[in-house]
mmCIF file of all heavy atoms, coordinates in Angstrom:
data_MODEL
# 
_entry.id   MODEL 
# 
loop_
_atom_site.group_PDB 
_atom_site.id 
_atom_site.type_symbol 
_atom_site.label_atom_id 
_atom_site.label_alt_id 
_atom_site.label_comp_id 
_atom_site.label_asym_id 
_atom_site.label_entity_id 
_atom_site.label_seq_id 
_atom_site.pdbx_PDB_ins_code 
_atom_site.Cartn_x 
_atom_site.Cartn_y 
_atom_site.Cartn_z 
_atom_site.occupancy 
_atom_site.B_iso_or_equiv 
_atom_site.pdbx_formal_charge 
_atom_site.auth_seq_id 
_atom_site.auth_comp_id 
_atom_site.auth_asym_id 
_atom_site.auth_atom_id 
_atom_site.pdbx_PDB_model_num 
ATOM 1   N N   . VAL A 1 1  ? 0.826  -1.205  0.000   1.00 0.00 ? 1  VAL A N   1 
ATOM 2   C CA  . VAL A 1 1  ? 0.000  0.000   0.000   1.00 0.00 ? 1  VAL A CA  1 
ATOM 3   C C   . VAL A 1 1  ? 0.859  1.254   0.000   1.00 0.00 ? 1  VAL A C   1 
ATOM 4   O O   . VAL A 1 1  ? 0.536  2.254   -0.646  1.00 0.00 ? 1  VAL A O   1 
ATOM 5   C CB  . VAL A 1 1  ? -0.956 -0.021  1.209   1.00 0.00 ? 1  VAL A CB  1 
ATOM 6   C CG1 . VAL A 1 1  ? -1.844 1.224   1.209   1.00 0.00 ? 1  VAL A CG1 1 
ATOM 7   C CG2 . VAL A 1 1  ? -1.803 -1.282  1.204   1.00 0.00 ? 1  VAL A CG2 1 
ATOM 8   N N   . GLN A 1 2  ? 1.986  1.235   0.716   1.00 0.00 ? 2  GLN A N   1 
ATOM 9   C CA  . GLN A 1 2  ? 2.821  2.431   0.809   1.00 0.00 ? 2  GLN A CA  1 
ATOM 10  C C   . GLN A 1 2  ? 3.394  2.818   -0.551  1.00 0.00 ? 2  GLN A C   1 
ATOM 11  O O   . GLN A 1 2  ? 3.589  4.004   -0.830  1.00 0.00 ? 2  GLN A O   1 
ATOM 12  C CB  . GLN A 1 2  ? 3.981  2.197   1.795   1.00 0.00 ? 2  GLN A CB  1 
ATOM 13  C CG  . GLN A 1 2  ? 3.537  2.011   3.239   1.00 0.00 ? 2  GLN A CG  1 
ATOM 14  C CD  . GLN A 1 2  ? 3.078  0.589   3.515   1.00 0.00 ? 2  GLN A CD  1 
ATOM 15  O OE1 . GLN A 1 2  ? 3.055  -0.256  2.611   1.00 0.00 ? 2  GLN A OE1 1 
ATOM 16  N NE2 . GLN A 1 2  ? 2.710  0.309   4.752   1.00 0.00 ? 2  GLN A NE2 1 
ATOM 17  N N   . TRP A 1 3  ? 3.675  1.835   -1.398  1.00 0.00 ? 3  TRP A N   1 
ATOM 18  C CA  . TRP A 1 3  ? 4.253  2.115   -2.710  1.00 0.00 ? 3  TRP A CA  1 
ATOM 19  C C   . TRP A 1 3  ? 3.200  2.105   -3.808  1.00 0.00 ? 3  TRP A C   1 
ATOM 20  O O   . TRP A 1 3  ? 3.547  2.220   -4.985  1.00 0.00 ? 3  TRP A O   1 
ATOM 21  C CB  . TRP A 1 3  ? 5.332  1.084   -3.047  1.00 0.00 ? 3  TRP A CB  1 
ATOM 22  C CG  . TRP A 1 3  ? 6.522  1.167   -2.137  1.00 0.00 ? 3  TRP A CG  1 
ATOM 23  C CD1 . TRP A 1 3  ? 6.796  2.148   -1.239  1.00 0.00 ? 3  TRP A CD1 1 
ATOM 24  C CD2 . TRP A 1 3  ? 7.592  0.227   -2.055  1.00 0.00 ? 3  TRP A CD2 1 
ATOM 25  N NE1 . TRP A 1 3  ? 7.972  1.890   -0.580  1.00 0.00 ? 3  TRP A NE1 1 
ATOM 26  C CE2 . TRP A 1 3  ? 8.493  0.697   -1.071  1.00 0.00 ? 3  TRP A CE2 1 
ATOM 27  C CE3 . TRP A 1 3  ? 7.883  -0.963  -2.700  1.00 0.00 ? 3  TRP A CE3 1 
ATOM 28  C CZ2 . TRP A 1 3  ? 9.644  0.025   -0.731  1.00 0.00 ? 3  TRP A CZ2 1 
ATOM 29  C CZ3 . TRP A 1 3  ? 9.031  -1.639  -2.357  1.00 0.00 ? 3  TRP A CZ3 1 
ATOM 30  C CH2 . TRP A 1 3  ? 9.910  -1.151  -1.392  1.00 0.00 ? 3  TRP A CH2 1 
ATOM 31  N N   . HIS A 1 4  ? 1.944  1.957   -3.454  1.00 0.00 ? 4  HIS A N   1 
ATOM 32  C CA  . HIS A 1 4  ? 0.837  1.920   -4.411  1.00 0.00 ? 4  HIS A CA  1 
ATOM 33  C C   . HIS A 1 4  ? 1.043  0.795   -5.434  1.00 0.00 ? 4  HIS A C   1 
ATOM 34  O O   . HIS A 1 4  ? 0.869  0.973   -6.640  1.00 0.00 ? 4  HIS A O   1 
ATOM 35  C CB  . HIS A 1 4  ? 0.689  3.269   -5.131  1.00 0.00 ? 4  HIS A CB  1 
ATOM 36  C CG  . HIS A 1 4  ? 0.528  4.426   -4.202  1.00 0.00 ? 4  HIS A CG  1 
ATOM 37  N ND1 . HIS A 1 4  ? -0.658 4.710   -3.539  1.00 0.00 ? 4  HIS A ND1 1 
ATOM 38  C CD2 . HIS A 1 4  ? 1.416  5.375   -3.800  1.00 0.00 ? 4  HIS A CD2 1 
ATOM 39  C CE1 . HIS A 1 4  ? -0.498 5.780   -2.787  1.00 0.00 ? 4  HIS A CE1 1 
ATOM 40  N NE2 . HIS A 1 4  ? 0.756  6.219   -2.924  1.00 0.00 ? 4  HIS A NE2 1 
ATOM 41  N N   . VAL A 1 5  ? 1.444  -0.365  -4.921  1.00 0.00 ? 5  VAL A N   1 
ATOM 42  C CA  . VAL A 1 5  ? 1.706  -1.521  -5.769  1.00 0.00 ? 5  VAL A CA  1 
ATOM 43  C C   . VAL A 1 5  ? 0.604  -2.541  -5.534  1.00 0.00 ? 5  VAL A C   1 
ATOM 44  O O   . VAL A 1 5  ? 0.298  -2.894  -4.393  1.00 0.00 ? 5  VAL A O   1 
ATOM 45  C CB  . VAL A 1 5  ? 3.086  -2.138  -5.455  1.00 0.00 ? 5  VAL A CB  1 
ATOM 46  C CG1 . VAL A 1 5  ? 3.286  -3.415  -6.269  1.00 0.00 ? 5  VAL A CG1 1 
ATOM 47  C CG2 . VAL A 1 5  ? 4.186  -1.140  -5.766  1.00 0.00 ? 5  VAL A CG2 1 
ATOM 48  N N   . ARG A 1 6  ? 0.027  -3.005  -6.611  1.00 0.00 ? 6  ARG A N   1 
ATOM 49  C CA  . ARG A 1 6  ? -1.005 -4.025  -6.540  1.00 0.00 ? 6  ARG A CA  1 
ATOM 50  C C   . ARG A 1 6  ? -0.462 -5.362  -7.027  1.00 0.00 ? 6  ARG A C   1 
ATOM 51  O O   . ARG A 1 6  ? 0.501  -5.424  -7.786  1.00 0.00 ? 6  ARG A O   1 
ATOM 52  C CB  . ARG A 1 6  ? -2.213 -3.624  -7.387  1.00 0.00 ? 6  ARG A CB  1 
ATOM 53  C CG  . ARG A 1 6  ? -2.949 -2.380  -6.905  1.00 0.00 ? 6  ARG A CG  1 
ATOM 54  C CD  . ARG A 1 6  ? -4.032 -2.006  -7.898  1.00 0.00 ? 6  ARG A CD  1 
ATOM 55  N NE  . ARG A 1 6  ? -3.451 -1.678  -9.207  1.00 0.00 ? 6  ARG A NE  1 
ATOM 56  C CZ  . ARG A 1 6  ? -4.172 -1.531  -10.307 1.00 0.00 ? 6  ARG A CZ  1 
ATOM 57  N NH1 . ARG A 1 6  ? -5.491 -1.705  -10.287 1.00 0.00 ? 6  ARG A NH1 1 
ATOM 58  N NH2 . ARG A 1 6  ? -3.581 -1.221  -11.447 1.00 0.00 ? 6  ARG A NH2 1 
ATOM 59  N N   . GLU A 1 7  ? -1.103 -6.403  -6.588  1.00 0.00 ? 7  GLU A N   1 
ATOM 60  C CA  . GLU A 1 7  ? -0.668 -7.749  -6.942  1.00 0.00 ? 7  GLU A CA  1 
ATOM 61  C C   . GLU A 1 7  ? -1.077 -8.090  -8.379  1.00 0.00 ? 7  GLU A C   1 
ATOM 62  O O   . GLU A 1 7  ? -2.185 -7.804  -8.808  1.00 0.00 ? 7  GLU A O   1 
ATOM 63  C CB  . GLU A 1 7  ? -1.275 -8.762  -5.979  1.00 0.00 ? 7  GLU A CB  1 
ATOM 64  C CG  . GLU A 1 7  ? -0.855 -10.204 -6.253  1.00 0.00 ? 7  GLU A CG  1 
ATOM 65  C CD  . GLU A 1 7  ? -1.509 -11.176 -5.301  1.00 0.00 ? 7  GLU A CD  1 
ATOM 66  O OE1 . GLU A 1 7  ? -2.274 -10.711 -4.417  1.00 0.00 ? 7  GLU A OE1 1 
ATOM 67  O OE2 . GLU A 1 7  ? -1.261 -12.396 -5.444  1.00 0.00 ? 7  GLU A OE2 1 
ATOM 68  N N   . GLY A 1 8  ? -0.131 -8.698  -9.107  1.00 0.00 ? 8  GLY A N   1 
ATOM 69  C CA  . GLY A 1 8  ? -0.417 -9.175  -10.453 1.00 0.00 ? 8  GLY A CA  1 
ATOM 70  C C   . GLY A 1 8  ? -0.210 -8.184  -11.568 1.00 0.00 ? 8  GLY A C   1 
ATOM 71  O O   . GLY A 1 8  ? -0.555 -8.483  -12.712 1.00 0.00 ? 8  GLY A O   1 
ATOM 72  N N   . ILE A 1 9  ? 0.380  -7.023  -11.314 1.00 0.00 ? 9  ILE A N   1 
ATOM 73  C CA  . ILE A 1 9  ? 0.617  -6.047  -12.379 1.00 0.00 ? 9  ILE A CA  1 
ATOM 74  C C   . ILE A 1 9  ? 2.022  -6.253  -12.950 1.00 0.00 ? 9  ILE A C   1 
ATOM 75  O O   . ILE A 1 9  ? 2.927  -6.752  -12.275 1.00 0.00 ? 9  ILE A O   1 
ATOM 76  C CB  . ILE A 1 9  ? 0.468  -4.602  -11.854 1.00 0.00 ? 9  ILE A CB  1 
ATOM 77  C CG1 . ILE A 1 9  ? 1.516  -4.315  -10.774 1.00 0.00 ? 9  ILE A CG1 1 
ATOM 78  C CG2 . ILE A 1 9  ? -0.933 -4.363  -11.325 1.00 0.00 ? 9  ILE A CG2 1 
ATOM 79  C CD1 . ILE A 1 9  ? 1.544  -2.877  -10.323 1.00 0.00 ? 9  ILE A CD1 1 
ATOM 80  N N   . LYS A 1 10 ? 2.210  -5.869  -14.196 1.00 0.00 ? 10 LYS A N   1 
ATOM 81  C CA  . LYS A 1 10 ? 3.513  -5.966  -14.842 1.00 0.00 ? 10 LYS A CA  1 
ATOM 82  C C   . LYS A 1 10 ? 4.378  -4.788  -14.405 1.00 0.00 ? 10 LYS A C   1 
ATOM 83  O O   . LYS A 1 10 ? 4.089  -3.643  -14.748 1.00 0.00 ? 10 LYS A O   1 
ATOM 84  C CB  . LYS A 1 10 ? 3.355  -5.983  -16.360 1.00 0.00 ? 10 LYS A CB  1 
ATOM 85  C CG  . LYS A 1 10 ? 2.555  -7.170  -16.878 1.00 0.00 ? 10 LYS A CG  1 
ATOM 86  C CD  . LYS A 1 10 ? 2.401  -7.106  -18.384 1.00 0.00 ? 10 LYS A CD  1 
ATOM 87  C CE  . LYS A 1 10 ? 1.575  -8.284  -18.887 1.00 0.00 ? 10 LYS A CE  1 
ATOM 88  N NZ  . LYS A 1 10 ? 1.382  -8.240  -20.359 1.00 0.00 ? 10 LYS A NZ  1 
ATOM 89  N N   . ALA A 1 11 ? 5.397  -5.105  -13.646 1.00 0.00 ? 11 ALA A N   1 
ATOM 90  C CA  . ALA A 1 11 ? 6.217  -4.032  -13.072 1.00 0.00 ? 11 ALA A CA  1 
ATOM 91  C C   . ALA A 1 11 ? 7.706  -4.323  -13.169 1.00 0.00 ? 11 ALA A C   1 
ATOM 92  O O   . ALA A 1 11 ? 8.480  -3.841  -12.347 1.00 0.00 ? 11 ALA A O   1 
ATOM 93  C CB  . ALA A 1 11 ? 5.842  -3.801  -11.610 1.00 0.00 ? 11 ALA A CB  1 
ATOM 94  N N   . GLY A 1 12 ? 8.124  -5.091  -14.139 1.00 0.00 ? 12 GLY A N   1 
ATOM 95  C CA  . GLY A 1 12 ? 9.548  -5.374  -14.260 1.00 0.00 ? 12 GLY A CA  1 
ATOM 96  C C   . GLY A 1 12 ? 9.824  -6.309  -15.416 1.00 0.00 ? 12 GLY A C   1 
ATOM 97  O O   . GLY A 1 12 ? 8.924  -6.750  -16.127 1.00 0.00 ? 12 GLY A O   1 
ATOM 98  N N   . CYS A 1 13 ? 11.095 -6.613  -15.591 1.00 0.00 ? 13 CYS A N   1 
ATOM 99  C CA  . CYS A 1 13 ? 11.522 -7.532  -16.634 1.00 0.00 ? 13 CYS A CA  1 
ATOM 100 C C   . CYS A 1 13 ? 12.831 -8.172  -16.207 1.00 0.00 ? 13 CYS A C   1 
ATOM 101 O O   . CYS A 1 13 ? 13.560 -7.632  -15.358 1.00 0.00 ? 13 CYS A O   1 
ATOM 102 C CB  . CYS A 1 13 ? 11.679 -6.829  -17.984 1.00 0.00 ? 13 CYS A CB  1 
ATOM 103 S SG  . CYS A 1 13 ? 12.821 -5.427  -17.948 1.00 0.00 ? 13 CYS A SG  1 
ATOM 104 N N   . LYS A 1 14 ? 13.122 -9.313  -16.786 1.00 0.00 ? 14 LYS A N   1 
ATOM 105 C CA  . LYS A 1 14 ? 14.354 -10.032 -16.468 1.00 0.00 ? 14 LYS A CA  1 
ATOM 106 C C   . LYS A 1 14 ? 14.773 -10.863 -17.669 1.00 0.00 ? 14 LYS A C   1 
ATOM 107 O O   . LYS A 1 14 ? 13.971 -11.171 -18.556 1.00 0.00 ? 14 LYS A O   1 
ATOM 108 C CB  . LYS A 1 14 ? 14.172 -10.945 -15.254 1.00 0.00 ? 14 LYS A CB  1 
ATOM 109 C CG  . LYS A 1 14 ? 13.232 -12.102 -15.487 1.00 0.00 ? 14 LYS A CG  1 
ATOM 110 C CD  . LYS A 1 14 ? 13.181 -13.028 -14.291 1.00 0.00 ? 14 LYS A CD  1 
ATOM 111 C CE  . LYS A 1 14 ? 12.274 -14.233 -14.559 1.00 0.00 ? 14 LYS A CE  1 
ATOM 112 N NZ  . LYS A 1 14 ? 12.226 -15.163 -13.411 1.00 0.00 ? 14 LYS A NZ  1 
ATOM 113 N N   . THR A 1 15 ? 16.028 -11.236 -17.674 1.00 0.00 ? 15 THR A N   1 
ATOM 114 C CA  . THR A 1 15 ? 16.576 -12.081 -18.720 1.00 0.00 ? 15 THR A CA  1 
ATOM 115 C C   . THR A 1 15 ? 17.784 -12.820 -18.170 1.00 0.00 ? 15 THR A C   1 
ATOM 116 O O   . THR A 1 15 ? 18.406 -12.368 -17.198 1.00 0.00 ? 15 THR A O   1 
ATOM 117 C CB  . THR A 1 15 ? 16.975 -11.264 -19.960 1.00 0.00 ? 15 THR A CB  1 
ATOM 118 O OG1 . THR A 1 15 ? 17.423 -12.147 -20.980 1.00 0.00 ? 15 THR A OG1 1 
ATOM 119 C CG2 . THR A 1 15 ? 18.091 -10.293 -19.629 1.00 0.00 ? 15 THR A CG2 1 
ATOM 120 N N   . THR A 1 16 ? 18.102 -13.954 -18.786 1.00 0.00 ? 16 THR A N   1 
ATOM 121 C CA  . THR A 1 16 ? 19.212 -14.799 -18.358 1.00 0.00 ? 16 THR A CA  1 
ATOM 122 C C   . THR A 1 16 ? 20.097 -15.066 -19.562 1.00 0.00 ? 16 THR A C   1 
ATOM 123 O O   . THR A 1 16 ? 19.616 -15.435 -20.637 1.00 0.00 ? 16 THR A O   1 
ATOM 124 C CB  . THR A 1 16 ? 18.704 -16.126 -17.772 1.00 0.00 ? 16 THR A CB  1 
ATOM 125 O OG1 . THR A 1 16 ? 17.848 -15.854 -16.666 1.00 0.00 ? 16 THR A OG1 1 
ATOM 126 C CG2 . THR A 1 16 ? 19.865 -16.976 -17.291 1.00 0.00 ? 16 THR A CG2 1 
ATOM 127 N N   . ILE A 1 17 ? 21.396 -14.884 -19.373 1.00 0.00 ? 17 ILE A N   1 
ATOM 128 C CA  . ILE A 1 17 ? 22.380 -15.135 -20.426 1.00 0.00 ? 17 ILE A CA  1 
ATOM 129 C C   . ILE A 1 17 ? 23.329 -16.222 -19.945 1.00 0.00 ? 17 ILE A C   1 
ATOM 130 O O   . ILE A 1 17 ? 23.661 -16.302 -18.754 1.00 0.00 ? 17 ILE A O   1 
ATOM 131 C CB  . ILE A 1 17 ? 23.153 -13.855 -20.798 1.00 0.00 ? 17 ILE A CB  1 
ATOM 132 C CG1 . ILE A 1 17 ? 23.744 -13.186 -19.555 1.00 0.00 ? 17 ILE A CG1 1 
ATOM 133 C CG2 . ILE A 1 17 ? 22.253 -12.890 -21.531 1.00 0.00 ? 17 ILE A CG2 1 
ATOM 134 C CD1 . ILE A 1 17 ? 24.537 -11.934 -19.860 1.00 0.00 ? 17 ILE A CD1 1 
ATOM 135 N N   . ARG A 1 18 ? 23.747 -17.042 -20.871 1.00 0.00 ? 18 ARG A N   1 
ATOM 136 C CA  . ARG A 1 18 ? 24.622 -18.173 -20.548 1.00 0.00 ? 18 ARG A CA  1 
ATOM 137 C C   . ARG A 1 18 ? 25.762 -18.242 -21.553 1.00 0.00 ? 18 ARG A C   1 
ATOM 138 O O   . ARG A 1 18 ? 25.741 -17.579 -22.581 1.00 0.00 ? 18 ARG A O   1 
ATOM 139 C CB  . ARG A 1 18 ? 23.831 -19.497 -20.577 1.00 0.00 ? 18 ARG A CB  1 
ATOM 140 C CG  . ARG A 1 18 ? 22.663 -19.538 -19.612 1.00 0.00 ? 18 ARG A CG  1 
ATOM 141 C CD  . ARG A 1 18 ? 21.858 -20.816 -19.786 1.00 0.00 ? 18 ARG A CD  1 
ATOM 142 N NE  . ARG A 1 18 ? 20.740 -20.896 -18.846 1.00 0.00 ? 18 ARG A NE  1 
ATOM 143 C CZ  . ARG A 1 18 ? 19.549 -20.349 -19.048 1.00 0.00 ? 18 ARG A CZ  1 
ATOM 144 N NH1 . ARG A 1 18 ? 19.307 -19.682 -20.177 1.00 0.00 ? 18 ARG A NH1 1 
ATOM 145 N NH2 . ARG A 1 18 ? 18.593 -20.475 -18.148 1.00 0.00 ? 18 ARG A NH2 1 
ATOM 146 N N   . GLY A 1 19 ? 26.745 -19.070 -21.211 1.00 0.00 ? 19 GLY A N   1 
ATOM 147 C CA  . GLY A 1 19 ? 27.836 -19.326 -22.147 1.00 0.00 ? 19 GLY A CA  1 
ATOM 148 C C   . GLY A 1 19 ? 28.728 -18.114 -22.361 1.00 0.00 ? 19 GLY A C   1 
ATOM 149 O O   . GLY A 1 19 ? 29.083 -17.388 -21.415 1.00 0.00 ? 19 GLY A O   1 
ATOM 150 N N   . ASN A 1 20 ? 29.083 -17.891 -23.627 1.00 0.00 ? 20 ASN A N   1 
ATOM 151 C CA  . ASN A 1 20 ? 29.989 -16.786 -23.951 1.00 0.00 ? 20 ASN A CA  1 
ATOM 152 C C   . ASN A 1 20 ? 29.385 -15.428 -23.628 1.00 0.00 ? 20 ASN A C   1 
ATOM 153 O O   . ASN A 1 20 ? 30.105 -14.492 -23.264 1.00 0.00 ? 20 ASN A O   1 
ATOM 154 C CB  . ASN A 1 20 ? 30.356 -16.839 -25.433 1.00 0.00 ? 20 ASN A CB  1 
ATOM 155 C CG  . ASN A 1 20 ? 31.191 -18.061 -25.771 1.00 0.00 ? 20 ASN A CG  1 
ATOM 156 O OD1 . ASN A 1 20 ? 31.733 -18.717 -24.883 1.00 0.00 ? 20 ASN A OD1 1 
ATOM 157 N ND2 . ASN A 1 20 ? 31.298 -18.369 -27.054 1.00 0.00 ? 20 ASN A ND2 1 
ATOM 158 N N   . ALA A 1 21 ? 28.059 -15.301 -23.745 1.00 0.00 ? 21 ALA A N   1 
ATOM 159 C CA  . ALA A 1 21 ? 27.426 -14.014 -23.443 1.00 0.00 ? 21 ALA A CA  1 
ATOM 160 C C   . ALA A 1 21 ? 27.599 -13.651 -21.977 1.00 0.00 ? 21 ALA A C   1 
ATOM 161 O O   . ALA A 1 21 ? 27.761 -12.470 -21.640 1.00 0.00 ? 21 ALA A O   1 
ATOM 162 C CB  . ALA A 1 21 ? 25.943 -14.061 -23.812 1.00 0.00 ? 21 ALA A CB  1 
ATOM 163 N N   . ALA A 1 22 ? 27.569 -14.644 -21.082 1.00 0.00 ? 22 ALA A N   1 
ATOM 164 C CA  . ALA A 1 22 ? 27.756 -14.362 -19.655 1.00 0.00 ? 22 ALA A CA  1 
ATOM 165 C C   . ALA A 1 22 ? 29.175 -13.881 -19.377 1.00 0.00 ? 22 ALA A C   1 
ATOM 166 O O   . ALA A 1 22 ? 29.379 -12.929 -18.606 1.00 0.00 ? 22 ALA A O   1 
ATOM 167 C CB  . ALA A 1 22 ? 27.441 -15.610 -18.838 1.00 0.00 ? 22 ALA A CB  1 
ATOM 168 N N   . TYR A 1 23 ? 30.160 -14.490 -19.999 1.00 0.00 ? 23 TYR A N   1 
ATOM 169 C CA  . TYR A 1 23 ? 31.549 -14.050 -19.798 1.00 0.00 ? 23 TYR A CA  1 
ATOM 170 C C   . TYR A 1 23 ? 31.768 -12.656 -20.393 1.00 0.00 ? 23 TYR A C   1 
ATOM 171 O O   . TYR A 1 23 ? 32.501 -11.840 -19.818 1.00 0.00 ? 23 TYR A O   1 
ATOM 172 C CB  . TYR A 1 23 ? 32.510 -15.056 -20.426 1.00 0.00 ? 23 TYR A CB  1 
ATOM 173 C CG  . TYR A 1 23 ? 32.703 -16.308 -19.607 1.00 0.00 ? 23 TYR A CG  1 
ATOM 174 C CD1 . TYR A 1 23 ? 31.931 -17.432 -19.836 1.00 0.00 ? 23 TYR A CD1 1 
ATOM 175 C CD2 . TYR A 1 23 ? 33.659 -16.369 -18.602 1.00 0.00 ? 23 TYR A CD2 1 
ATOM 176 C CE1 . TYR A 1 23 ? 32.105 -18.591 -19.094 1.00 0.00 ? 23 TYR A CE1 1 
ATOM 177 C CE2 . TYR A 1 23 ? 33.844 -17.512 -17.848 1.00 0.00 ? 23 TYR A CE2 1 
ATOM 178 C CZ  . TYR A 1 23 ? 33.063 -18.622 -18.105 1.00 0.00 ? 23 TYR A CZ  1 
ATOM 179 O OH  . TYR A 1 23 ? 33.233 -19.765 -17.355 1.00 0.00 ? 23 TYR A OH  1 
ATOM 180 N N   . GLU A 1 24 ? 31.169 -12.376 -21.536 1.00 0.00 ? 24 GLU A N   1 
ATOM 181 C CA  . GLU A 1 24 ? 31.338 -11.051 -22.132 1.00 0.00 ? 24 GLU A CA  1 
ATOM 182 C C   . GLU A 1 24 ? 30.682 -9.968  -21.277 1.00 0.00 ? 24 GLU A C   1 
ATOM 183 O O   . GLU A 1 24 ? 31.222 -8.861  -21.149 1.00 0.00 ? 24 GLU A O   1 
ATOM 184 C CB  . GLU A 1 24 ? 30.749 -11.055 -23.540 1.00 0.00 ? 24 GLU A CB  1 
ATOM 185 C CG  . GLU A 1 24 ? 31.545 -11.893 -24.527 1.00 0.00 ? 24 GLU A CG  1 
ATOM 186 C CD  . GLU A 1 24 ? 30.875 -11.956 -25.884 1.00 0.00 ? 24 GLU A CD  1 
ATOM 187 O OE1 . GLU A 1 24 ? 29.731 -11.456 -25.985 1.00 0.00 ? 24 GLU A OE1 1 
ATOM 188 O OE2 . GLU A 1 24 ? 31.490 -12.494 -26.828 1.00 0.00 ? 24 GLU A OE2 1 
ATOM 189 N N   . PHE A 1 25 ? 29.526 -10.266 -20.690 1.00 0.00 ? 25 PHE A N   1 
ATOM 190 C CA  . PHE A 1 25 ? 28.888 -9.277  -19.819 1.00 0.00 ? 25 PHE A CA  1 
ATOM 191 C C   . PHE A 1 25 ? 29.744 -9.020  -18.590 1.00 0.00 ? 25 PHE A C   1 
ATOM 192 O O   . PHE A 1 25 ? 29.929 -7.860  -18.172 1.00 0.00 ? 25 PHE A O   1 
ATOM 193 C CB  . PHE A 1 25 ? 27.499 -9.766  -19.403 1.00 0.00 ? 25 PHE A CB  1 
ATOM 194 C CG  . PHE A 1 25 ? 26.828 -8.905  -18.373 1.00 0.00 ? 25 PHE A CG  1 
ATOM 195 C CD1 . PHE A 1 25 ? 26.212 -7.710  -18.733 1.00 0.00 ? 25 PHE A CD1 1 
ATOM 196 C CD2 . PHE A 1 25 ? 26.824 -9.270  -17.031 1.00 0.00 ? 25 PHE A CD2 1 
ATOM 197 C CE1 . PHE A 1 25 ? 25.606 -6.911  -17.780 1.00 0.00 ? 25 PHE A CE1 1 
ATOM 198 C CE2 . PHE A 1 25 ? 26.216 -8.477  -16.078 1.00 0.00 ? 25 PHE A CE2 1 
ATOM 199 C CZ  . PHE A 1 25 ? 25.612 -7.291  -16.462 1.00 0.00 ? 25 PHE A CZ  1 
ATOM 200 N N   . LEU A 1 26 ? 30.275 -10.059 -17.985 1.00 0.00 ? 26 LEU A N   1 
ATOM 201 C CA  . LEU A 1 26 ? 31.128 -9.875  -16.809 1.00 0.00 ? 26 LEU A CA  1 
ATOM 202 C C   . LEU A 1 26 ? 32.406 -9.134  -17.179 1.00 0.00 ? 26 LEU A C   1 
ATOM 203 O O   . LEU A 1 26 ? 32.914 -8.325  -16.380 1.00 0.00 ? 26 LEU A O   1 
ATOM 204 C CB  . LEU A 1 26 ? 31.454 -11.240 -16.200 1.00 0.00 ? 26 LEU A CB  1 
ATOM 205 C CG  . LEU A 1 26 ? 32.134 -11.238 -14.828 1.00 0.00 ? 26 LEU A CG  1 
ATOM 206 C CD1 . LEU A 1 26 ? 31.259 -10.540 -13.797 1.00 0.00 ? 26 LEU A CD1 1 
ATOM 207 C CD2 . LEU A 1 26 ? 32.450 -12.655 -14.386 1.00 0.00 ? 26 LEU A CD2 1 
# 
């Protein structure tokens, strides 16, 4: 309630990288 956040709304994004892409990001 303090942040005016309701359950079940789209409020973010994520992704996972593996292999060579993970080493290049690091």
